[in-house]
């Protein structure tokens, strides 16, 4: 069951990566980056259960903080128009 859940995350990740690289504007790319970070965090949590290693949860937590900060920084960058 866990393998099925991991495999179900792969198509959305690939579609969001496509949106990130082919997005029509920067706002769509930032939204894709935020969504991608959420899916990668979910994937890391599932991998933590699959391999029974808690280090993946630590990586997911750090990735969540860095991803959130990155989205905020990019959004402010777009808002100011620098």
C-alpha atoms as a PDB file:
ATOM      1  CA  UNK A   1       0.000   0.000   0.000  1.00  0.00           C
ATOM      2  CA  UNK A   2       2.848   2.349   0.803  1.00  0.00           C
ATOM      3  CA  UNK A   3       4.461   1.694  -2.578  1.00  0.00           C
ATOM      4  CA  UNK A   4       1.209   2.636  -4.301  1.00  0.00           C
ATOM      5  CA  UNK A   5       1.074   5.910  -2.390  1.00  0.00           C
ATOM      6  CA  UNK A   6       4.656   6.705  -3.385  1.00  0.00           C
ATOM      7  CA  UNK A   7       3.932   5.899  -7.028  1.00  0.00           C
ATOM      8  CA  UNK A   8       0.824   8.083  -6.960  1.00  0.00           C
ATOM      9  CA  UNK A   9       2.989  11.092  -6.103  1.00  0.00           C
ATOM     10  CA  UNK A  10       5.222  10.725  -9.163  1.00  0.00           C
ATOM     11  CA  UNK A  11       2.801  11.956 -11.907  1.00  0.00           C
ATOM     12  CA  UNK A  12       1.818  15.161 -10.068  1.00  0.00           C
ATOM     13  CA  UNK A  13       5.484  15.899  -9.357  1.00  0.00           C
ATOM     14  CA  UNK A  14       6.320  15.499 -13.041  1.00  0.00           C
ATOM     15  CA  UNK A  15       3.403  17.703 -14.110  1.00  0.00           C
ATOM     16  CA  UNK A  16       4.369  20.417 -11.649  1.00  0.00           C
ATOM     17  CA  UNK A  17       7.986  20.254 -12.808  1.00  0.00           C
ATOM     18  CA  UNK A  18       6.705  20.818 -16.348  1.00  0.00           C
ATOM     19  CA  UNK A  19       4.707  23.836 -15.148  1.00  0.00           C
ATOM     20  CA  UNK A  20       7.761  25.140 -13.305  1.00  0.00           C
ATOM     21  CA  UNK A  21       9.983  25.021 -16.396  1.00  0.00           C
ATOM     22  CA  UNK A  22       7.328  25.978 -18.986  1.00  0.00           C
ATOM     23  CA  UNK A  23       5.241  28.381 -16.924  1.00  0.00           C
ATOM     24  CA  UNK A  24       3.941  31.414 -18.783  1.00  0.00           C
ATOM     25  CA  UNK A  25       5.054  33.859 -16.094  1.00  0.00           C
ATOM     26  CA  UNK A  26       6.972  34.081 -12.850  1.00  0.00           C
ATOM     27  CA  UNK A  27       3.870  33.907 -10.643  1.00  0.00           C
ATOM     28  CA  UNK A  28       2.957  30.505 -12.075  1.00  0.00           C
ATOM     29  CA  UNK A  29       6.497  29.303 -11.500  1.00  0.00           C
ATOM     30  CA  UNK A  30       6.414  30.413  -7.873  1.00  0.00           C
ATOM     31  CA  UNK A  31       3.109  28.628  -7.355  1.00  0.00           C
ATOM     32  CA  UNK A  32       4.565  25.512  -8.975  1.00  0.00           C
ATOM     33  CA  UNK A  33       7.603  25.738  -6.698  1.00  0.00           C
ATOM     34  CA  UNK A  34       5.399  25.950  -3.625  1.00  0.00           C
ATOM     35  CA  UNK A  35       3.269  23.001  -4.727  1.00  0.00           C
ATOM     36  CA  UNK A  36       6.348  21.017  -5.625  1.00  0.00           C
ATOM     37  CA  UNK A  37       7.819  21.580  -2.188  1.00  0.00           C
ATOM     38  CA  UNK A  38       4.635  20.271  -0.555  1.00  0.00           C
ATOM     39  CA  UNK A  39       4.681  17.134  -2.721  1.00  0.00           C
ATOM     40  CA  UNK A  40       8.367  16.508  -2.074  1.00  0.00           C
ATOM     41  CA  UNK A  41       7.763  16.825   1.667  1.00  0.00           C
ATOM     42  CA  UNK A  42       4.966  14.248   1.382  1.00  0.00           C
ATOM     43  CA  UNK A  43       7.260  12.007  -0.655  1.00  0.00           C
ATOM     44  CA  UNK A  44       9.997  12.284   1.961  1.00  0.00           C
ATOM     45  CA  UNK A  45       7.530  11.400   4.721  1.00  0.00           C
ATOM     46  CA  UNK A  46       6.412   8.325   2.791  1.00  0.00           C
ATOM     47  CA  UNK A  47      10.000   7.326   2.125  1.00  0.00           C
ATOM     48  CA  UNK A  48      10.661   7.654   5.834  1.00  0.00           C
ATOM     49  CA  UNK A  49       7.938   5.102   6.479  1.00  0.00           C
ATOM     50  CA  UNK A  50       9.107   2.869   3.632  1.00  0.00           C
ATOM     51  CA  UNK A  51      12.750   2.692   4.747  1.00  0.00           C
ATOM     52  CA  UNK A  52      11.944   3.103   8.451  1.00  0.00           C
ATOM     53  CA  UNK A  53      14.502   5.877   8.827  1.00  0.00           C
ATOM     54  CA  UNK A  54      13.706   9.060  10.697  1.00  0.00           C
ATOM     55  CA  UNK A  55      16.390  11.072   8.894  1.00  0.00           C
ATOM     56  CA  UNK A  56      13.965  11.581   5.999  1.00  0.00           C
ATOM     57  CA  UNK A  57      11.583  13.375   8.338  1.00  0.00           C
ATOM     58  CA  UNK A  58      14.397  15.693   9.425  1.00  0.00           C
ATOM     59  CA  UNK A  59      15.182  16.434   5.790  1.00  0.00           C
ATOM     60  CA  UNK A  60      11.485  17.035   5.109  1.00  0.00           C
ATOM     61  CA  UNK A  61      11.284  19.504   7.993  1.00  0.00           C
ATOM     62  CA  UNK A  62      14.320  21.441   6.778  1.00  0.00           C
ATOM     63  CA  UNK A  63      12.975  21.375   3.221  1.00  0.00           C
ATOM     64  CA  UNK A  64       9.643  22.744   4.457  1.00  0.00           C
ATOM     65  CA  UNK A  65      11.307  25.696   6.164  1.00  0.00           C
ATOM     66  CA  UNK A  66      13.614  26.444   3.233  1.00  0.00           C
ATOM     67  CA  UNK A  67      10.786  26.011   0.710  1.00  0.00           C
ATOM     68  CA  UNK A  68       8.514  28.364   2.618  1.00  0.00           C
ATOM     69  CA  UNK A  69      11.242  30.978   2.937  1.00  0.00           C
ATOM     70  CA  UNK A  70      12.066  30.640  -0.752  1.00  0.00           C
ATOM     71  CA  UNK A  71       8.483  31.185  -1.847  1.00  0.00           C
ATOM     72  CA  UNK A  72       8.171  34.234   0.402  1.00  0.00           C
ATOM     73  CA  UNK A  73      11.421  35.697  -0.952  1.00  0.00           C
ATOM     74  CA  UNK A  74      10.443  35.124  -4.576  1.00  0.00           C
ATOM     75  CA  UNK A  75       7.005  36.610  -3.969  1.00  0.00           C
ATOM     76  CA  UNK A  76       8.464  39.724  -2.396  1.00  0.00           C
ATOM     77  CA  UNK A  77      10.898  39.986  -5.277  1.00  0.00           C
ATOM     78  CA  UNK A  78       7.997  39.949  -7.749  1.00  0.00           C
ATOM     79  CA  UNK A  79       5.948  42.351  -5.678  1.00  0.00           C
ATOM     80  CA  UNK A  80       8.669  44.988  -5.634  1.00  0.00           C
ATOM     81  CA  UNK A  81       9.472  44.527  -9.306  1.00  0.00           C
ATOM     82  CA  UNK A  82      13.218  44.728  -8.832  1.00  0.00           C
END
